[in-house]
Amino acid sequence: MSNTITLHAHDLDGYLTERDMNSLKAVSDLYGEYMEACRLQDTDRMVLLSNRIGNTLEEITCLENQIHVYSFETPREQHAEASRLIARLRNPLTSHEEFLYYIQRAYELLFVHTYADKAMTTKRSIIQKTPVTDPFQNYAVHRIPDIDSLIHNSVMCVMLRGALLPSMIMSKEIQDYSSDGYITPFALFRIKRDESCTEDQMRYVLDLDKSFFRVEDLEDRDLVFADPMNATGGSLVTIVKHLESEGIRPRSIKFINVISALKGSLRVARALPNAEIYTLWMDPVLNRKAYILPGLGDAGDRLNGVDSDQPRNIIQLIADYGQNIVNLYRNQVREIEQTVLP
């Protein structure tokens, strides 16, 4: 008998408030108008309604201390870069290699917004030896935000499989910013949702037999979940609620997404009071299959390729990234291997 934990969509909706439901309806109504403009290919109307949707999402999320949207919280001068990245990720013609590149760029921006922006007033110096030795050895001094206090208690929690590379990227950013090259421990959770279900009947299944973590290692830790898409919030809530049922109380939870749907963000905020959601871009609604609209398709498939009849394990996924990626994240790969192959 398999050792699984299951959470249902109606459990998630039970966390939403009346105000949440009203907000979701208002955004859904606007997106219905936008879809009609798409059907008619009325680009002027698309632009107008897109602005209205964005303004509405900003009005809703600015009331939520747990939800942080990059384009709503950063200076306007920085928004073009985020918008360009999202446009490239949405494009169905973006190749697999390009998609990997843009995901890395997106998580670099997200890392700065999640951590470095909070430490701008406290900086430390890096004195870097350079390859230049004429007329004598050269050194360069660089000032960067001191984020040691924000990252040294972190554990990377990987919600396989689309979250694998984003988690490795975030871990490497933590390593590069820390004063001592801190490499995060990893906890690996095999969780999937039942794609045969509609959004209102969705089931989220955590397979404990194919997960790799020790609950005692997560107590009072800062748990970092880096998943490119937050559609419903169900996978994160399922994992954290299981940990809580085992008596684990994380010090904090950060859920870091490239694109997050409003509904998923509100569900996480309501279900997990100690969680913060950081997202590069917020999309308004979900379709009946619980895919984000306008979205970018299946991020897991676009990052890792489509599985055959037999899903690949964690080591196979890493191998399929290729030597360049493995070399770039070699310390993270080593840590993951030690977690999976003790």
Protein backbone atom coordinates (compact mmCIF):
# COMPACT_ATOMS: atom_id res chain seq x y z
CA MET A 1 0.00 0.00 0.00
CA SER A 2 1.46 3.36 -1.03
CA ASN A 3 2.28 5.93 1.61
CA THR A 4 0.56 9.06 0.31
CA ILE A 5 -1.04 12.24 1.61
CA THR A 6 -3.94 13.73 -0.37
CA LEU A 7 -5.54 17.18 -0.23
CA HIS A 8 -8.62 18.20 -2.20
CA ALA A 9 -9.59 21.48 -3.85
CA HIS A 10 -12.54 22.01 -1.53
CA ASP A 11 -10.11 21.92 1.41
CA LEU A 12 -8.22 24.83 -0.16
CA ASP A 13 -11.34 26.85 -0.94
CA GLY A 14 -12.39 26.57 2.69
CA TYR A 15 -9.56 28.97 3.56
CA LEU A 16 -10.80 31.76 1.27
CA THR A 17 -12.76 34.65 2.76
CA GLU A 18 -15.84 36.37 1.36
CA ARG A 19 -13.63 39.29 0.32
CA ASP A 20 -11.33 36.86 -1.47
CA MET A 21 -14.25 35.39 -3.42
CA ASN A 22 -15.44 38.86 -4.40
CA SER A 23 -11.94 39.80 -5.56
CA LEU A 24 -11.63 36.62 -7.61
CA LYS A 25 -15.01 37.26 -9.25
CA ALA A 26 -14.11 40.85 -10.12
CA VAL A 27 -10.88 39.74 -11.80
CA SER A 28 -12.61 36.82 -13.53
CA ASP A 29 -15.25 39.15 -14.99
CA LEU A 30 -12.55 41.44 -16.35
CA TYR A 31 -10.69 38.52 -17.84
CA GLY A 32 -13.88 37.35 -19.50
CA GLU A 33 -13.96 40.69 -21.34
CA TYR A 34 -10.29 40.28 -22.19
CA MET A 35 -10.92 36.82 -23.65
CA GLU A 36 -13.59 38.28 -25.92
CA ALA A 37 -11.07 40.85 -27.13
CA CYS A 38 -8.64 37.98 -27.81
CA ARG A 39 -11.31 36.15 -29.80
CA LEU A 40 -11.90 39.24 -31.92
CA GLN A 41 -8.14 39.95 -32.08
CA ASP A 42 -8.92 43.49 -30.94
CA THR A 43 -5.42 44.52 -29.83
CA ASP A 44 -6.43 48.00 -28.67
CA ARG A 45 -9.06 46.47 -26.41
CA MET A 46 -6.54 43.88 -25.17
CA VAL A 47 -4.13 46.62 -24.09
CA LEU A 48 -6.88 48.60 -22.34
CA LEU A 49 -8.24 45.59 -20.47
CA SER A 50 -4.76 44.31 -19.61
CA ASN A 51 -4.05 47.61 -17.86
CA ARG A 52 -7.35 47.40 -15.97
CA ILE A 53 -6.63 43.83 -14.89
CA GLY A 54 -3.13 44.77 -13.74
CA ASN A 55 -4.43 47.73 -11.75
CA THR A 56 -7.09 45.54 -10.14
CA LEU A 57 -4.56 42.88 -9.18
CA GLU A 58 -2.33 45.55 -7.66
CA GLU A 59 -5.24 46.98 -5.64
CA ILE A 60 -6.06 43.51 -4.29
CA THR A 61 -2.52 42.40 -3.47
CA CYS A 62 -1.43 45.68 -1.89
CA LEU A 63 -3.79 44.79 0.97
CA GLU A 64 -1.99 41.47 1.51
CA ASN A 65 1.23 41.65 3.54
CA GLN A 66 2.13 38.07 2.59
CA ILE A 67 1.98 38.58 -1.19
CA HIS A 68 4.85 40.34 -2.97
CA VAL A 69 4.59 40.99 -6.71
CA TYR A 70 7.81 42.23 -8.29
CA SER A 71 6.16 44.68 -10.67
CA PHE A 72 3.99 46.10 -7.87
CA GLU A 73 6.80 46.64 -5.35
CA THR A 74 9.86 47.68 -7.36
CA PRO A 75 10.65 51.00 -9.10
CA ARG A 76 8.95 51.43 -12.47
CA GLU A 77 12.34 51.54 -14.19
CA GLN A 78 12.83 47.85 -13.37
CA HIS A 79 9.50 46.62 -14.74
CA ALA A 80 10.52 46.41 -18.38
CA GLU A 81 13.08 43.68 -17.66
CA ALA A 82 10.52 41.54 -15.84
CA SER A 83 7.93 42.11 -18.56
CA ARG A 84 10.42 41.15 -21.28
CA LEU A 85 11.35 37.93 -19.48
CA ILE A 86 7.74 36.90 -18.97
CA ALA A 87 6.94 37.62 -22.63
CA ARG A 88 9.81 35.38 -23.73
CA LEU A 89 8.76 32.60 -21.35
CA ARG A 90 5.16 32.76 -22.60
CA ASN A 91 6.21 32.54 -26.24
CA PRO A 92 5.56 28.98 -27.55
CA LEU A 93 8.45 29.47 -30.02
CA THR A 94 10.98 29.95 -27.22
CA SER A 95 13.34 26.98 -27.45
CA HIS A 96 14.17 24.66 -24.55
CA GLU A 97 17.64 26.19 -24.14
CA GLU A 98 16.25 29.72 -24.23
CA PHE A 99 13.55 28.76 -21.72
CA LEU A 100 16.21 27.55 -19.29
CA TYR A 101 18.14 30.79 -19.74
CA TYR A 102 15.11 33.00 -19.11
CA ILE A 103 14.10 30.97 -16.06
CA GLN A 104 17.58 31.55 -14.63
CA ARG A 105 17.29 35.29 -15.32
CA ALA A 106 13.85 35.37 -13.71
CA TYR A 107 15.09 33.72 -10.51
CA GLU A 108 18.04 36.08 -10.30
CA LEU A 109 15.56 38.98 -10.23
CA LEU A 110 13.37 37.15 -7.73
CA PHE A 111 16.31 36.43 -5.46
CA VAL A 112 17.26 40.10 -5.31
CA HIS A 113 13.67 41.09 -4.57
CA THR A 114 13.23 38.40 -1.92
CA TYR A 115 16.52 38.86 -0.08
CA ALA A 116 18.96 41.50 -1.28
CA ASP A 117 16.47 44.39 -1.40
CA LYS A 118 15.80 43.85 2.32
CA ALA A 119 19.50 44.23 3.15
CA MET A 120 20.42 47.25 1.03
CA THR A 121 21.24 49.34 4.10
CA THR A 122 23.67 46.73 5.49
CA LYS A 123 26.53 45.86 3.17
CA ARG A 124 29.75 43.92 3.37
CA SER A 125 32.92 44.07 1.32
CA ILE A 126 34.25 41.38 -1.01
CA ILE A 127 37.98 41.65 -1.62
CA GLN A 128 38.53 39.65 -4.77
CA LYS A 129 41.90 38.53 -6.08
CA THR A 130 42.03 38.98 -9.88
CA PRO A 131 44.06 37.23 -12.63
CA VAL A 132 46.08 40.44 -13.20
CA THR A 133 49.62 40.28 -11.72
CA ASP A 134 51.43 43.07 -13.60
CA PRO A 135 52.98 45.14 -12.08
CA PHE A 136 51.91 43.07 -9.03
CA GLN A 137 48.89 41.09 -7.80
CA ASN A 138 45.65 43.06 -8.17
CA TYR A 139 42.61 42.93 -5.92
CA ALA A 140 39.14 44.42 -6.42
CA VAL A 141 36.80 45.59 -3.67
CA HIS A 142 33.05 45.15 -4.15
CA ARG A 143 30.19 46.07 -1.83
CA ILE A 144 27.14 43.81 -1.73
CA PRO A 145 24.12 43.51 0.58
CA ASP A 146 24.89 41.49 3.71
CA ILE A 147 22.14 38.87 3.75
CA ASP A 148 23.79 36.23 5.95
CA SER A 149 21.18 36.62 8.68
CA LEU A 150 18.41 36.04 6.13
CA ILE A 151 19.78 32.90 4.49
CA HIS A 152 21.87 30.86 6.93
CA ASN A 153 18.84 28.99 8.31
CA SER A 154 17.44 28.12 4.88
CA VAL A 155 16.44 24.72 3.52
CA MET A 156 15.55 24.36 -0.18
CA CYS A 157 12.32 22.40 -0.48
CA VAL A 158 11.90 20.96 -3.97
CA MET A 159 8.42 20.14 -5.27
CA LEU A 160 9.46 17.82 -8.08
CA ARG A 161 9.73 18.02 -10.99
CA GLY A 162 9.35 21.54 -12.43
CA ALA A 163 10.81 23.02 -9.25
CA LEU A 164 14.15 21.21 -9.48
CA LEU A 165 16.14 23.71 -11.57
CA PRO A 166 14.59 26.82 -9.93
CA SER A 167 15.54 25.38 -6.54
CA MET A 168 19.12 24.82 -7.70
CA ILE A 169 19.27 28.40 -9.03
CA MET A 170 18.04 29.85 -5.73
CA SER A 171 20.47 27.71 -3.74
CA LYS A 172 23.39 28.90 -5.87
CA GLU A 173 22.32 32.54 -5.43
CA ILE A 174 22.31 31.98 -1.65
CA GLN A 175 25.76 30.41 -1.89
CA ASP A 176 27.16 33.29 -3.97
CA TYR A 177 25.73 36.02 -1.72
CA SER A 178 26.71 34.42 1.59
CA SER A 179 30.00 35.36 3.24
CA ASP A 180 30.97 31.71 3.77
CA GLY A 181 29.64 30.01 0.62
CA TYR A 182 26.64 28.53 2.46
CA ILE A 183 25.12 25.61 0.52
CA THR A 184 21.53 24.96 1.48
CA PRO A 185 20.37 21.51 2.52
CA PHE A 186 17.67 20.07 0.25
CA ALA A 187 14.35 18.40 1.06
CA LEU A 188 12.75 16.68 -1.95
CA PHE A 189 8.99 16.18 -2.11
CA ARG A 190 7.36 14.06 -4.83
CA ILE A 191 3.99 15.71 -5.22
CA LYS A 192 1.67 15.89 -8.18
CA ARG A 193 -1.84 16.93 -8.88
CA ASP A 194 -4.41 14.73 -10.63
CA GLU A 195 -4.52 16.20 -14.14
CA SER A 196 -7.68 14.22 -14.93
CA CYS A 197 -9.65 16.44 -12.55
CA THR A 198 -11.17 19.84 -13.12
CA GLU A 199 -9.97 22.73 -10.96
CA ASP A 200 -12.85 22.46 -8.48
CA GLN A 201 -12.27 18.70 -8.06
CA MET A 202 -8.47 18.71 -8.09
CA ARG A 203 -6.53 16.34 -5.83
CA TYR A 204 -2.94 16.89 -4.67
CA VAL A 205 -1.03 13.72 -3.83
CA LEU A 206 2.22 13.71 -1.83
CA ASP A 207 4.08 10.42 -2.29
CA LEU A 208 6.15 9.97 0.86
CA ASP A 209 7.82 6.80 -0.41
CA LYS A 210 9.39 8.74 -3.29
CA SER A 211 10.25 11.85 -1.26
CA PHE A 212 13.58 12.46 0.45
CA PHE A 213 13.56 14.47 3.67
CA ARG A 214 13.75 14.13 7.43
CA VAL A 215 11.04 16.02 9.30
CA GLU A 216 13.38 16.74 12.24
CA ASP A 217 15.74 18.61 9.89
CA LEU A 218 12.95 21.08 9.03
CA GLU A 219 12.03 22.16 12.55
CA ASP A 220 12.42 25.92 13.09
CA ARG A 221 14.05 26.32 9.68
CA ASP A 222 13.38 28.88 6.95
CA LEU A 223 11.81 26.77 4.21
CA VAL A 224 12.27 28.03 0.65
CA PHE A 225 10.05 26.66 -2.12
CA ALA A 226 10.96 27.75 -5.66
CA ASP A 227 8.29 26.62 -8.11
CA PRO A 228 8.00 28.43 -11.45
CA MET A 229 4.19 28.38 -11.40
CA ASN A 230 1.76 28.88 -8.51
CA ALA A 231 -1.60 28.02 -10.00
CA THR A 232 -3.76 26.78 -7.13
CA GLY A 233 -1.36 26.72 -4.17
CA GLY A 234 -2.43 23.13 -3.51
CA SER A 235 0.97 21.44 -3.67
CA LEU A 236 2.60 23.81 -1.20
CA VAL A 237 -0.31 23.67 1.24
CA THR A 238 -0.35 19.86 1.08
CA ILE A 239 3.34 19.62 1.96
CA VAL A 240 3.30 22.18 4.75
CA LYS A 241 0.11 20.81 6.32
CA HIS A 242 1.71 17.35 6.35
CA LEU A 243 4.80 18.72 8.08
CA GLU A 244 2.61 20.46 10.62
CA SER A 245 0.75 17.20 11.26
CA GLU A 246 4.16 15.67 12.09
CA GLY A 247 4.75 18.38 14.68
CA ILE A 248 7.12 20.48 12.52
CA ARG A 249 6.87 24.24 12.90
CA PRO A 250 9.00 26.08 10.31
CA ARG A 251 10.35 29.47 11.34
CA SER A 252 9.26 30.90 7.99
CA ILE A 253 8.14 29.81 4.52
CA LYS A 254 8.97 31.56 1.26
CA PHE A 255 7.15 30.52 -1.92
CA ILE A 256 8.98 31.98 -4.92
CA ASN A 257 7.32 31.85 -8.34
CA VAL A 258 7.88 33.26 -11.81
CA ILE A 259 4.13 33.47 -12.39
CA SER A 260 1.45 33.16 -9.74
CA ALA A 261 -2.31 33.16 -10.13
CA LEU A 262 -4.30 35.37 -7.79
CA LYS A 263 -6.33 32.43 -6.49
CA GLY A 264 -3.26 30.37 -5.66
CA SER A 265 -1.62 33.30 -3.87
CA LEU A 266 -4.71 34.00 -1.75
CA ARG A 267 -5.10 30.34 -0.85
CA VAL A 268 -1.49 30.10 0.33
CA ALA A 269 -1.76 33.33 2.32
CA ARG A 270 -4.92 32.16 4.08
CA ALA A 271 -3.88 28.54 4.68
CA LEU A 272 -0.31 29.31 5.83
CA PRO A 273 -0.10 32.45 7.99
CA ASN A 274 3.72 32.25 8.22
CA ALA A 275 4.21 31.99 4.45
CA GLU A 276 5.21 34.76 2.06
CA ILE A 277 4.65 34.58 -1.69
CA TYR A 278 7.17 36.28 -3.99
CA THR A 279 6.25 36.32 -7.65
CA LEU A 280 7.75 38.02 -10.68
CA TRP A 281 4.37 38.32 -12.38
CA MET A 282 0.75 37.81 -11.34
CA ASP A 283 -1.79 36.36 -13.75
CA PRO A 284 -5.51 36.79 -13.09
CA VAL A 285 -7.37 33.48 -13.41
CA LEU A 286 -7.32 29.70 -13.86
CA ASN A 287 -9.10 27.68 -16.52
CA ARG A 288 -11.26 24.66 -15.69
CA LYS A 289 -8.17 22.39 -15.77
CA ALA A 290 -6.41 24.63 -13.20
CA TYR A 291 -3.93 26.07 -15.69
CA ILE A 292 -2.98 29.72 -15.30
CA LEU A 293 -4.37 32.18 -17.85
CA PRO A 294 -2.77 33.59 -19.90
CA GLY A 295 0.06 31.49 -18.41
CA LEU A 296 2.93 29.85 -20.28
CA GLY A 297 1.89 26.21 -20.55
CA ASP A 298 3.39 23.35 -18.55
CA ALA A 299 6.56 24.80 -17.02
CA GLY A 300 7.76 21.36 -15.94
CA ASP A 301 7.63 20.02 -19.49
CA ARG A 302 9.25 23.14 -20.89
CA LEU A 303 12.08 22.92 -18.36
CA ASN A 304 12.64 19.17 -18.31
CA GLY A 305 11.04 17.80 -21.47
CA VAL A 306 8.08 15.43 -21.49
CA ASP A 307 8.37 12.17 -19.57
CA SER A 308 7.76 8.88 -21.33
CA ASP A 309 5.49 6.25 -19.81
CA GLN A 310 8.00 5.86 -16.96
CA PRO A 311 8.61 9.15 -15.08
CA ARG A 312 12.28 9.99 -14.56
CA ASN A 313 13.74 10.01 -11.08
CA ILE A 314 15.66 12.93 -9.59
CA ILE A 315 19.08 11.74 -10.77
CA GLN A 316 17.81 11.22 -14.33
CA LEU A 317 16.34 14.73 -14.37
CA ILE A 318 19.66 16.24 -13.31
CA ALA A 319 21.54 14.21 -15.92
CA ASP A 320 19.15 15.40 -18.63
CA TYR A 321 20.01 19.04 -17.89
CA GLY A 322 23.37 18.37 -19.51
CA GLN A 323 26.96 18.89 -18.44
CA ASN A 324 26.88 22.69 -18.64
CA ILE A 325 24.03 22.99 -16.14
CA VAL A 326 25.46 20.29 -13.89
CA ASN A 327 28.86 22.04 -13.81
CA LEU A 328 27.26 25.41 -13.09
CA TYR A 329 25.35 23.99 -10.10
CA ARG A 330 27.84 21.31 -9.09
CA ASN A 331 27.64 22.03 -5.34
CA GLN A 332 23.85 21.89 -5.44
CA VAL A 333 23.90 18.67 -7.47
CA ARG A 334 26.30 17.12 -4.95
CA GLU A 335 24.01 18.09 -2.07
CA ILE A 336 20.98 16.63 -3.83
CA GLU A 337 22.81 13.41 -4.62
CA GLN A 338 23.83 13.05 -0.96
CA THR A 339 20.18 13.52 -0.01
CA VAL A 340 18.86 10.96 -2.49
CA LEU A 341 21.76 8.49 -2.24
CA PRO A 342 22.83 8.43 1.42
